[in-house]
Amino acid sequence: MRSCDMVIVVPVDKHTGNDEVLRLQAWGEVSELLRPGLGKLYRQFNPSGSAWEHKYPRPFGVVLGRQEPEVFRELLKAGEEAQHEAVAFHLEEMLRKADLGSAQKIGDTQVYSAVVDGSDPELLAHGVWHILMQKGAPVPDCGIYYAYAALHRASATEEERREVIDHADGTSRSWIKGPIGRTRTAPIFQSRRRVFF
């Protein structure tokens, strides 16, 4: 069964307790964040002791940034790289499937339109993935998700990213193998390179 890794950045500065309690509270926030997509975007999600083939055995799969800032940054970078790859992949596949026959020039920009009406399920799935990313949903294979009250999205500006790194002492990183992993029994779409659920 296919699974994907995901890093979810959760602030723990408002939580109290020892490290075990903080990890439990961070995992609780992750569970609440992912629960609405259960059965829709994925079949199950679990804490993981590894991400992108690196082992990080921690209770509930939570790395506390203040205790392990290097591991925290390593996971942040890995999640961002996975996201860049996923965005490029979905865009490439969407463009490959889209009929970009009609174009118009607006100023210095060439604009192509495409109809995504559901007649091509693969094109629809790639388009929906991009829309969900823009709407701030923690979608399968988005790589990283910022669960901050101000962000709640899969992307961060350089300034927001810098703030997360600079305040690692009040942040935990919880990664899961599969809000995305072990997701559906049947894939939404298949591509030549990967199967996404």
N, C-alpha and C. Protein backbone atom coordinates (compact mmCIF):
# COMPACT_ATOMS: atom_id res chain seq x y z
N MET A 1 0.85 -1.17 0.00
CA MET A 1 0.00 0.00 0.00
C MET A 1 0.90 1.24 0.00
N ARG A 2 0.54 2.22 -0.75
CA ARG A 2 1.33 3.44 -0.91
C ARG A 2 1.13 4.36 0.28
N SER A 3 2.22 4.95 0.74
CA SER A 3 2.12 5.96 1.78
C SER A 3 3.06 7.11 1.44
N CYS A 4 2.74 8.28 1.93
CA CYS A 4 3.55 9.48 1.71
C CYS A 4 3.89 10.09 3.06
N ASP A 5 5.05 10.69 3.12
CA ASP A 5 5.45 11.37 4.34
C ASP A 5 5.00 12.82 4.28
N MET A 6 4.78 13.37 5.45
CA MET A 6 4.34 14.76 5.54
C MET A 6 4.84 15.33 6.86
N VAL A 7 5.32 16.54 6.82
CA VAL A 7 5.74 17.24 8.03
C VAL A 7 4.66 18.27 8.34
N ILE A 8 4.18 18.26 9.56
CA ILE A 8 3.20 19.25 9.98
C ILE A 8 3.82 20.05 11.12
N VAL A 9 3.97 21.35 10.91
CA VAL A 9 4.59 22.22 11.90
C VAL A 9 3.49 22.75 12.81
N VAL A 10 3.64 22.45 14.10
CA VAL A 10 2.63 22.79 15.10
C VAL A 10 3.28 23.62 16.20
N PRO A 11 2.76 24.80 16.50
CA PRO A 11 3.32 25.57 17.63
C PRO A 11 2.91 24.93 18.96
N VAL A 12 3.85 24.84 19.87
CA VAL A 12 3.53 24.28 21.19
C VAL A 12 3.77 25.30 22.29
N ASP A 13 4.01 26.54 21.93
CA ASP A 13 4.32 27.56 22.92
C ASP A 13 3.16 27.84 23.88
N LYS A 14 1.95 27.52 23.50
CA LYS A 14 0.80 27.75 24.38
C LYS A 14 0.46 26.52 25.21
N HIS A 15 1.16 25.43 24.98
CA HIS A 15 0.93 24.20 25.74
C HIS A 15 1.87 24.15 26.93
N THR A 16 1.47 23.40 27.93
CA THR A 16 2.31 23.22 29.12
C THR A 16 2.48 21.74 29.39
N GLY A 17 3.53 21.43 30.12
CA GLY A 17 3.78 20.06 30.51
C GLY A 17 5.16 19.61 30.09
N ASN A 18 5.47 18.39 30.45
CA ASN A 18 6.77 17.85 30.08
C ASN A 18 6.76 17.46 28.60
N ASP A 19 7.89 16.97 28.12
CA ASP A 19 8.02 16.65 26.70
C ASP A 19 6.99 15.63 26.22
N GLU A 20 6.71 14.64 27.04
CA GLU A 20 5.73 13.62 26.66
C GLU A 20 4.35 14.24 26.47
N VAL A 21 3.97 15.14 27.37
CA VAL A 21 2.68 15.81 27.28
C VAL A 21 2.64 16.73 26.06
N LEU A 22 3.73 17.45 25.80
CA LEU A 22 3.78 18.32 24.62
C LEU A 22 3.64 17.51 23.33
N ARG A 23 4.30 16.36 23.28
CA ARG A 23 4.18 15.51 22.08
C ARG A 23 2.74 15.02 21.91
N LEU A 24 2.14 14.62 22.99
CA LEU A 24 0.74 14.16 22.95
C LEU A 24 -0.18 15.28 22.48
N GLN A 25 0.02 16.49 22.98
CA GLN A 25 -0.81 17.63 22.58
C GLN A 25 -0.58 17.98 21.11
N ALA A 26 0.67 17.92 20.65
CA ALA A 26 0.96 18.20 19.24
C ALA A 26 0.28 17.16 18.35
N TRP A 27 0.38 15.89 18.72
CA TRP A 27 -0.28 14.85 17.92
C TRP A 27 -1.79 15.04 17.94
N GLY A 28 -2.35 15.48 19.06
CA GLY A 28 -3.79 15.77 19.13
C GLY A 28 -4.19 16.85 18.14
N GLU A 29 -3.37 17.91 18.03
CA GLU A 29 -3.65 18.97 17.07
C GLU A 29 -3.58 18.45 15.64
N VAL A 30 -2.58 17.61 15.37
CA VAL A 30 -2.44 17.03 14.03
C VAL A 30 -3.66 16.17 13.71
N SER A 31 -4.09 15.37 14.66
CA SER A 31 -5.27 14.51 14.45
C SER A 31 -6.51 15.35 14.14
N GLU A 32 -6.71 16.42 14.90
CA GLU A 32 -7.86 17.31 14.66
C GLU A 32 -7.78 17.96 13.28
N LEU A 33 -6.57 18.34 12.87
CA LEU A 33 -6.37 18.96 11.57
C LEU A 33 -6.72 18.00 10.43
N LEU A 34 -6.32 16.74 10.58
CA LEU A 34 -6.47 15.77 9.50
C LEU A 34 -7.81 15.05 9.49
N ARG A 35 -8.49 15.01 10.63
CA ARG A 35 -9.75 14.26 10.74
C ARG A 35 -10.78 14.62 9.66
N PRO A 36 -10.97 15.89 9.30
CA PRO A 36 -11.98 16.21 8.27
C PRO A 36 -11.70 15.56 6.90
N GLY A 37 -10.44 15.27 6.60
CA GLY A 37 -10.11 14.66 5.31
C GLY A 37 -10.15 13.14 5.33
N LEU A 38 -10.35 12.58 6.51
CA LEU A 38 -10.37 11.13 6.65
C LEU A 38 -11.52 10.54 5.85
N GLY A 39 -11.23 9.60 4.99
CA GLY A 39 -12.24 8.99 4.13
C GLY A 39 -12.47 9.76 2.85
N LYS A 40 -11.94 10.99 2.77
CA LYS A 40 -12.08 11.79 1.56
C LYS A 40 -10.73 11.90 0.85
N LEU A 41 -9.74 12.37 1.57
CA LEU A 41 -8.40 12.52 0.99
C LEU A 41 -7.49 11.35 1.32
N TYR A 42 -7.77 10.67 2.41
CA TYR A 42 -6.94 9.55 2.82
C TYR A 42 -7.77 8.60 3.68
N ARG A 43 -7.30 7.37 3.72
CA ARG A 43 -8.02 6.35 4.48
C ARG A 43 -7.58 6.33 5.93
N GLN A 44 -6.31 6.60 6.19
CA GLN A 44 -5.83 6.64 7.56
C GLN A 44 -4.58 7.49 7.64
N PHE A 45 -4.21 7.90 8.84
CA PHE A 45 -2.96 8.60 9.06
C PHE A 45 -2.39 8.11 10.37
N ASN A 46 -1.09 8.05 10.42
CA ASN A 46 -0.39 7.51 11.59
C ASN A 46 0.86 8.33 11.88
N PRO A 47 1.25 8.41 13.15
CA PRO A 47 2.56 9.00 13.43
C PRO A 47 3.64 8.08 12.88
N SER A 48 4.76 8.64 12.54
CA SER A 48 5.80 7.84 11.91
C SER A 48 7.14 8.07 12.59
N GLY A 49 7.95 7.03 12.61
CA GLY A 49 9.31 7.13 13.13
C GLY A 49 10.32 7.36 12.04
N SER A 50 9.84 7.59 10.84
CA SER A 50 10.75 7.88 9.74
C SER A 50 10.05 8.79 8.75
N ALA A 51 10.87 9.55 8.04
CA ALA A 51 10.33 10.43 7.00
C ALA A 51 11.36 10.50 5.88
N TRP A 52 10.91 10.25 4.66
CA TRP A 52 11.77 10.29 3.48
C TRP A 52 13.04 9.48 3.70
N GLU A 53 12.85 8.26 4.19
CA GLU A 53 13.91 7.27 4.37
C GLU A 53 14.92 7.62 5.45
N HIS A 54 14.62 8.58 6.30
CA HIS A 54 15.46 8.90 7.46
C HIS A 54 14.70 8.50 8.71
N LYS A 55 15.40 7.89 9.64
CA LYS A 55 14.76 7.44 10.88
C LYS A 55 14.78 8.55 11.93
N TYR A 56 13.61 8.81 12.51
CA TYR A 56 13.45 9.76 13.59
C TYR A 56 12.50 9.16 14.62
N PRO A 57 12.95 8.13 15.33
CA PRO A 57 12.02 7.49 16.28
C PRO A 57 11.76 8.37 17.49
N ARG A 58 10.57 8.98 17.52
CA ARG A 58 10.14 9.84 18.62
C ARG A 58 8.70 9.45 18.96
N PRO A 59 8.33 9.58 20.24
CA PRO A 59 6.93 9.31 20.59
C PRO A 59 5.97 10.15 19.75
N PHE A 60 4.96 9.52 19.21
CA PHE A 60 3.95 10.14 18.34
C PHE A 60 4.56 10.78 17.09
N GLY A 61 5.80 10.47 16.77
CA GLY A 61 6.45 11.04 15.59
C GLY A 61 6.69 12.53 15.72
N VAL A 62 6.77 13.04 16.94
CA VAL A 62 6.90 14.48 17.16
C VAL A 62 8.34 14.83 17.55
N VAL A 63 8.93 15.76 16.80
CA VAL A 63 10.24 16.31 17.13
C VAL A 63 9.99 17.69 17.73
N LEU A 64 10.47 17.90 18.94
CA LEU A 64 10.33 19.20 19.58
C LEU A 64 11.50 20.08 19.14
N GLY A 65 11.18 21.17 18.47
CA GLY A 65 12.19 22.04 17.88
C GLY A 65 13.18 22.61 18.88
N ARG A 66 12.72 22.90 20.08
CA ARG A 66 13.64 23.50 21.06
C ARG A 66 14.69 22.51 21.54
N GLN A 67 14.38 21.23 21.49
CA GLN A 67 15.33 20.22 21.94
C GLN A 67 16.24 19.74 20.81
N GLU A 68 15.71 19.70 19.61
CA GLU A 68 16.47 19.18 18.48
C GLU A 68 16.36 20.11 17.29
N PRO A 69 16.95 21.31 17.39
CA PRO A 69 16.79 22.28 16.31
C PRO A 69 17.36 21.81 14.97
N GLU A 70 18.44 21.03 14.99
CA GLU A 70 19.02 20.56 13.73
C GLU A 70 18.09 19.56 13.04
N VAL A 71 17.52 18.64 13.82
CA VAL A 71 16.57 17.67 13.26
C VAL A 71 15.34 18.42 12.75
N PHE A 72 14.91 19.41 13.53
CA PHE A 72 13.76 20.24 13.15
C PHE A 72 14.00 20.87 11.77
N ARG A 73 15.17 21.51 11.60
CA ARG A 73 15.48 22.16 10.32
C ARG A 73 15.61 21.15 9.18
N GLU A 74 16.18 19.99 9.50
CA GLU A 74 16.34 18.94 8.50
C GLU A 74 14.97 18.48 7.99
N LEU A 75 14.03 18.30 8.90
CA LEU A 75 12.69 17.88 8.50
C LEU A 75 11.97 18.98 7.74
N LEU A 76 12.16 20.22 8.17
CA LEU A 76 11.55 21.35 7.46
C LEU A 76 12.04 21.38 6.01
N LYS A 77 13.34 21.23 5.83
CA LYS A 77 13.92 21.24 4.48
C LYS A 77 13.42 20.06 3.65
N ALA A 78 13.37 18.88 4.25
CA ALA A 78 12.89 17.69 3.53
C ALA A 78 11.44 17.85 3.11
N GLY A 79 10.60 18.41 3.99
CA GLY A 79 9.20 18.65 3.65
C GLY A 79 9.05 19.65 2.52
N GLU A 80 9.85 20.71 2.56
CA GLU A 80 9.80 21.71 1.50
C GLU A 80 10.26 21.14 0.16
N GLU A 81 11.31 20.33 0.19
CA GLU A 81 11.78 19.70 -1.05
C GLU A 81 10.74 18.75 -1.62
N ALA A 82 10.10 17.98 -0.75
CA ALA A 82 9.04 17.07 -1.20
C ALA A 82 7.88 17.86 -1.81
N GLN A 83 7.59 19.01 -1.21
CA GLN A 83 6.51 19.84 -1.74
C GLN A 83 6.86 20.40 -3.12
N HIS A 84 8.08 20.87 -3.28
CA HIS A 84 8.50 21.39 -4.59
C HIS A 84 8.40 20.31 -5.66
N GLU A 85 8.82 19.10 -5.31
CA GLU A 85 8.71 17.99 -6.26
C GLU A 85 7.26 17.69 -6.59
N ALA A 86 6.39 17.70 -5.58
CA ALA A 86 4.98 17.40 -5.81
C ALA A 86 4.31 18.47 -6.68
N VAL A 87 4.61 19.74 -6.41
CA VAL A 87 4.04 20.82 -7.21
C VAL A 87 4.48 20.68 -8.66
N ALA A 88 5.78 20.44 -8.86
CA ALA A 88 6.30 20.29 -10.23
C ALA A 88 5.65 19.09 -10.92
N PHE A 89 5.53 18.00 -10.19
CA PHE A 89 4.93 16.79 -10.76
C PHE A 89 3.48 17.04 -11.18
N HIS A 90 2.67 17.59 -10.26
CA HIS A 90 1.25 17.82 -10.57
C HIS A 90 1.08 18.83 -11.70
N LEU A 91 1.91 19.85 -11.73
CA LEU A 91 1.83 20.84 -12.81
C LEU A 91 2.22 20.21 -14.14
N GLU A 92 3.30 19.45 -14.14
CA GLU A 92 3.74 18.78 -15.37
C GLU A 92 2.67 17.84 -15.91
N GLU A 93 2.09 17.05 -15.03
CA GLU A 93 1.06 16.10 -15.44
C GLU A 93 -0.22 16.82 -15.88
N MET A 94 -0.56 17.90 -15.21
CA MET A 94 -1.74 18.66 -15.60
C MET A 94 -1.54 19.28 -16.98
N LEU A 95 -0.38 19.84 -17.21
CA LEU A 95 -0.10 20.45 -18.51
C LEU A 95 -0.03 19.39 -19.62
N ARG A 96 0.48 18.22 -19.28
CA ARG A 96 0.56 17.14 -20.26
C ARG A 96 -0.84 16.70 -20.71
N LYS A 97 -1.78 16.72 -19.77
CA LYS A 97 -3.14 16.25 -20.07
C LYS A 97 -4.05 17.35 -20.62
N ALA A 98 -3.73 18.60 -20.34
CA ALA A 98 -4.61 19.71 -20.73
C ALA A 98 -4.45 20.04 -22.21
N ASP A 99 -5.55 20.43 -22.82
CA ASP A 99 -5.53 20.91 -24.20
C ASP A 99 -5.32 22.42 -24.14
N LEU A 100 -4.12 22.84 -24.47
CA LEU A 100 -3.78 24.27 -24.39
C LEU A 100 -3.80 24.90 -25.78
N GLY A 101 -4.79 24.53 -26.57
CA GLY A 101 -4.88 25.01 -27.93
C GLY A 101 -5.22 26.49 -28.05
N SER A 102 -6.06 27.00 -27.17
CA SER A 102 -6.45 28.40 -27.30
C SER A 102 -5.57 29.26 -26.39
N ALA A 103 -5.01 30.30 -26.98
CA ALA A 103 -4.14 31.19 -26.22
C ALA A 103 -4.47 32.64 -26.59
N GLN A 104 -4.24 33.51 -25.65
CA GLN A 104 -4.40 34.93 -25.93
C GLN A 104 -3.28 35.66 -25.22
N LYS A 105 -2.92 36.78 -25.75
CA LYS A 105 -1.86 37.57 -25.16
C LYS A 105 -2.48 38.73 -24.40
N ILE A 106 -2.12 38.86 -23.13
CA ILE A 106 -2.57 39.96 -22.29
C ILE A 106 -1.32 40.68 -21.82
N GLY A 107 -1.09 41.84 -22.39
CA GLY A 107 0.15 42.56 -22.10
C GLY A 107 1.32 41.77 -22.66
N ASP A 108 2.28 41.48 -21.81
CA ASP A 108 3.45 40.69 -22.21
C ASP A 108 3.29 39.21 -21.89
N THR A 109 2.11 38.83 -21.40
CA THR A 109 1.90 37.47 -20.93
C THR A 109 1.04 36.67 -21.90
N GLN A 110 1.50 35.49 -22.23
CA GLN A 110 0.72 34.56 -23.04
C GLN A 110 -0.16 33.75 -22.09
N VAL A 111 -1.48 33.79 -22.24
CA VAL A 111 -2.42 33.12 -21.36
C VAL A 111 -3.09 31.98 -22.11
N TYR A 112 -3.02 30.79 -21.52
CA TYR A 112 -3.67 29.61 -22.09
C TYR A 112 -4.83 29.21 -21.20
N SER A 113 -5.91 28.82 -21.78
CA SER A 113 -7.05 28.35 -20.99
C SER A 113 -7.25 26.87 -21.25
N ALA A 114 -7.77 26.21 -20.24
CA ALA A 114 -8.07 24.78 -20.36
C ALA A 114 -9.39 24.51 -19.67
N VAL A 115 -10.16 23.61 -20.20
CA VAL A 115 -11.43 23.21 -19.61
C VAL A 115 -11.18 21.94 -18.80
N VAL A 116 -11.53 22.01 -17.54
CA VAL A 116 -11.43 20.85 -16.66
C VAL A 116 -12.84 20.52 -16.23
N ASP A 117 -13.48 19.67 -17.00
CA ASP A 117 -14.90 19.38 -16.78
C ASP A 117 -15.15 17.99 -16.19
N GLY A 118 -14.11 17.27 -15.87
CA GLY A 118 -14.28 15.94 -15.29
C GLY A 118 -14.24 14.82 -16.31
N SER A 119 -14.19 15.17 -17.59
CA SER A 119 -14.15 14.12 -18.61
C SER A 119 -12.80 13.39 -18.60
N ASP A 120 -11.78 14.02 -18.08
CA ASP A 120 -10.47 13.38 -17.92
C ASP A 120 -10.17 13.34 -16.42
N PRO A 121 -10.37 12.19 -15.77
CA PRO A 121 -10.21 12.11 -14.32
C PRO A 121 -8.79 12.47 -13.84
N GLU A 122 -7.80 12.15 -14.63
CA GLU A 122 -6.43 12.45 -14.23
C GLU A 122 -6.18 13.97 -14.24
N LEU A 123 -6.65 14.63 -15.27
CA LEU A 123 -6.53 16.09 -15.35
C LEU A 123 -7.29 16.73 -14.19
N LEU A 124 -8.48 16.23 -13.91
CA LEU A 124 -9.29 16.74 -12.81
C LEU A 124 -8.56 16.58 -11.48
N ALA A 125 -7.98 15.41 -11.24
CA ALA A 125 -7.29 15.15 -9.98
C ALA A 125 -6.10 16.09 -9.78
N HIS A 126 -5.33 16.31 -10.84
CA HIS A 126 -4.19 17.22 -10.73
C HIS A 126 -4.67 18.66 -10.49
N GLY A 127 -5.73 19.05 -11.17
CA GLY A 127 -6.28 20.39 -10.98
C GLY A 127 -6.83 20.58 -9.58
N VAL A 128 -7.55 19.60 -9.08
CA VAL A 128 -8.11 19.67 -7.73
C VAL A 128 -6.98 19.74 -6.71
N TRP A 129 -5.91 18.99 -6.93
CA TRP A 129 -4.77 19.03 -6.01
C TRP A 129 -4.24 20.47 -5.89
N HIS A 130 -4.07 21.15 -7.02
CA HIS A 130 -3.57 22.52 -6.98
C HIS A 130 -4.56 23.47 -6.29
N ILE A 131 -5.83 23.28 -6.54
CA ILE A 131 -6.85 24.13 -5.91
C ILE A 131 -6.84 23.91 -4.39
N LEU A 132 -6.79 22.66 -3.97
CA LEU A 132 -6.75 22.37 -2.53
C LEU A 132 -5.51 22.96 -1.88
N MET A 133 -4.38 22.91 -2.56
CA MET A 133 -3.16 23.52 -2.03
C MET A 133 -3.35 25.02 -1.84
N GLN A 134 -3.97 25.67 -2.82
CA GLN A 134 -4.20 27.11 -2.73
C GLN A 134 -5.21 27.46 -1.64
N LYS A 135 -6.15 26.57 -1.39
CA LYS A 135 -7.17 26.81 -0.36
C LYS A 135 -6.64 26.52 1.05
N GLY A 136 -5.44 25.92 1.14
CA GLY A 136 -4.85 25.66 2.45
C GLY A 136 -5.15 24.30 3.03
N ALA A 137 -5.59 23.36 2.23
CA ALA A 137 -5.91 22.02 2.74
C ALA A 137 -4.63 21.18 2.85
N PRO A 138 -4.53 20.36 3.90
CA PRO A 138 -3.38 19.45 4.01
C PRO A 138 -3.60 18.24 3.09
N VAL A 139 -3.26 18.39 1.84
CA VAL A 139 -3.55 17.37 0.84
C VAL A 139 -2.46 16.31 0.77
N PRO A 140 -2.83 15.13 0.28
CA PRO A 140 -1.84 14.09 0.09
C PRO A 140 -0.66 14.60 -0.73
N ASP A 141 0.48 14.25 -0.34
CA ASP A 141 1.80 14.53 -0.91
C ASP A 141 2.15 16.02 -0.96
N CYS A 142 1.55 16.84 -0.07
CA CYS A 142 1.94 18.26 -0.06
C CYS A 142 3.27 18.47 0.64
N GLY A 143 3.82 17.45 1.29
CA GLY A 143 5.15 17.51 1.86
C GLY A 143 5.23 18.19 3.22
N ILE A 144 4.71 19.39 3.32
CA ILE A 144 4.79 20.14 4.57
C ILE A 144 3.51 20.94 4.75
N TYR A 145 3.10 21.10 5.99
CA TYR A 145 1.90 21.88 6.28
C TYR A 145 2.16 22.67 7.56
N TYR A 146 1.85 23.95 7.54
CA TYR A 146 2.04 24.82 8.69
C TYR A 146 0.72 24.97 9.42
N ALA A 147 0.60 24.37 10.59
CA ALA A 147 -0.64 24.38 11.35
C ALA A 147 -0.65 25.53 12.35
N TYR A 148 -0.31 26.71 11.89
CA TYR A 148 -0.36 27.91 12.73
C TYR A 148 -1.68 28.61 12.50
N ALA A 149 -2.18 29.26 13.51
CA ALA A 149 -3.45 29.98 13.38
C ALA A 149 -3.39 30.98 12.23
N ALA A 150 -2.26 31.64 12.09
CA ALA A 150 -2.13 32.65 11.03
C ALA A 150 -1.90 32.03 9.66
N LEU A 151 -1.36 30.83 9.60
CA LEU A 151 -1.03 30.24 8.31
C LEU A 151 -2.07 29.21 7.88
N HIS A 152 -2.12 28.09 8.54
CA HIS A 152 -2.97 26.96 8.15
C HIS A 152 -2.97 26.76 6.65
N ARG A 153 -1.77 26.52 6.14
CA ARG A 153 -1.62 26.25 4.71
C ARG A 153 -0.33 25.48 4.49
N ALA A 154 -0.17 25.01 3.28
CA ALA A 154 0.98 24.19 2.95
C ALA A 154 2.18 25.01 2.49
N SER A 155 2.03 26.31 2.40
CA SER A 155 3.16 27.14 1.98
C SER A 155 3.38 28.27 2.96
N ALA A 156 4.59 28.77 2.96
CA ALA A 156 4.94 29.90 3.82
C ALA A 156 5.86 30.82 3.04
N THR A 157 5.74 32.10 3.29
CA THR A 157 6.66 33.04 2.67
C THR A 157 8.03 32.85 3.30
N GLU A 158 9.04 33.42 2.72
CA GLU A 158 10.39 33.31 3.29
C GLU A 158 10.42 33.91 4.69
N GLU A 159 9.71 35.01 4.89
CA GLU A 159 9.66 35.64 6.21
C GLU A 159 8.98 34.72 7.23
N GLU A 160 7.85 34.11 6.84
CA GLU A 160 7.16 33.19 7.74
C GLU A 160 8.02 31.96 8.04
N ARG A 161 8.69 31.46 7.03
CA ARG A 161 9.58 30.31 7.20
C ARG A 161 10.71 30.65 8.17
N ARG A 162 11.30 31.82 8.00
CA ARG A 162 12.39 32.28 8.87
C ARG A 162 11.90 32.38 10.32
N GLU A 163 10.67 32.87 10.50
CA GLU A 163 10.10 32.97 11.83
C GLU A 163 9.93 31.59 12.47
N VAL A 164 9.50 30.62 11.70
CA VAL A 164 9.37 29.25 12.22
C VAL A 164 10.73 28.73 12.67
N ILE A 165 11.74 28.93 11.87
CA ILE A 165 13.09 28.45 12.21
C ILE A 165 13.63 29.20 13.43
N ASP A 166 13.44 30.52 13.46
CA ASP A 166 13.95 31.33 14.57
C ASP A 166 13.26 31.03 15.89
N HIS A 167 12.01 30.56 15.83
CA HIS A 167 11.26 30.28 17.05
C HIS A 167 11.06 28.78 17.23
N ALA A 168 12.05 28.01 16.86
CA ALA A 168 11.94 26.55 16.96
C ALA A 168 11.69 26.10 18.39
N ASP A 169 12.07 26.92 19.36
CA ASP A 169 11.86 26.52 20.75
C ASP A 169 10.39 26.47 21.13
N GLY A 170 9.53 27.15 20.40
CA GLY A 170 8.10 27.13 20.70
C GLY A 170 7.32 26.35 19.66
N THR A 171 8.01 25.51 18.90
CA THR A 171 7.37 24.80 17.80
C THR A 171 7.72 23.33 17.90
N SER A 172 6.78 22.49 17.55
CA SER A 172 7.11 21.08 17.41
C SER A 172 6.89 20.72 15.97
N ARG A 173 7.49 19.70 15.56
CA ARG A 173 7.27 19.25 14.21
C ARG A 173 6.72 17.85 14.36
N SER A 174 5.56 17.66 13.86
CA SER A 174 4.99 16.33 13.89
C SER A 174 4.94 15.86 12.46
N TRP A 175 5.47 14.71 12.19
CA TRP A 175 5.34 14.23 10.84
C TRP A 175 4.57 12.94 10.89
N ILE A 176 3.89 12.69 9.83
CA ILE A 176 3.07 11.51 9.80
C ILE A 176 3.33 10.78 8.51
N LYS A 177 3.29 9.49 8.59
CA LYS A 177 3.39 8.70 7.39
C LYS A 177 1.97 8.37 7.06
N GLY A 178 1.37 9.22 6.38
CA GLY A 178 0.17 9.02 5.79
C GLY A 178 -1.07 9.68 6.19
N PRO A 179 -1.21 10.99 6.32
CA PRO A 179 -2.58 11.39 6.08
C PRO A 179 -2.74 10.98 4.68
N ILE A 180 -1.70 10.68 4.21
CA ILE A 180 -1.47 10.53 2.82
C ILE A 180 -1.02 9.13 2.57
N GLY A 181 -0.40 8.60 3.39
CA GLY A 181 0.05 7.25 3.19
C GLY A 181 -1.15 6.38 3.24
N ARG A 182 -1.13 5.23 3.33
CA ARG A 182 -2.26 4.32 3.45
C ARG A 182 -3.58 5.06 3.34
N THR A 183 -3.81 5.59 2.19
CA THR A 183 -4.91 6.52 2.07
C THR A 183 -6.19 5.92 1.55
N ARG A 184 -6.25 5.60 0.33
CA ARG A 184 -7.48 5.04 -0.22
C ARG A 184 -7.23 3.63 -0.71
N THR A 185 -8.30 2.88 -0.87
CA THR A 185 -8.13 1.55 -1.42
C THR A 185 -7.93 1.63 -2.92
N ALA A 186 -8.48 2.65 -3.56
CA ALA A 186 -8.28 2.83 -4.99
C ALA A 186 -7.70 4.23 -5.21
N PRO A 187 -6.68 4.34 -6.05
CA PRO A 187 -6.08 5.66 -6.26
C PRO A 187 -7.04 6.61 -6.98
N ILE A 188 -6.91 7.89 -6.66
CA ILE A 188 -7.68 8.90 -7.38
C ILE A 188 -7.23 8.92 -8.83
N PHE A 189 -5.93 8.84 -9.03
CA PHE A 189 -5.41 8.80 -10.39
C PHE A 189 -4.06 8.10 -10.38
N GLN A 190 -3.68 7.61 -11.53
CA GLN A 190 -2.39 7.00 -11.69
C GLN A 190 -1.62 7.78 -12.73
N SER A 191 -0.35 7.88 -12.54
CA SER A 191 0.49 8.53 -13.53
C SER A 191 1.55 7.53 -13.96
N ARG A 192 2.36 7.95 -14.89
CA ARG A 192 3.42 7.07 -15.35
C ARG A 192 4.47 6.88 -14.26
N ARG A 193 4.65 7.87 -13.41
CA ARG A 193 5.70 7.82 -12.43
C ARG A 193 5.25 7.34 -11.06
N ARG A 194 4.09 7.73 -10.61
CA ARG A 194 3.66 7.43 -9.25
C ARG A 194 2.17 7.17 -9.20
N VAL A 195 1.75 6.60 -8.12
CA VAL A 195 0.33 6.46 -7.85
C VAL A 195 0.03 7.37 -6.68
N PHE A 196 -1.00 8.20 -6.79
CA PHE A 196 -1.40 9.09 -5.71
C PHE A 196 -2.77 8.66 -5.23
N PHE A 197 -2.97 8.78 -3.93
CA PHE A 197 -4.23 8.36 -3.34
C PHE A 197 -5.03 9.53 -2.86
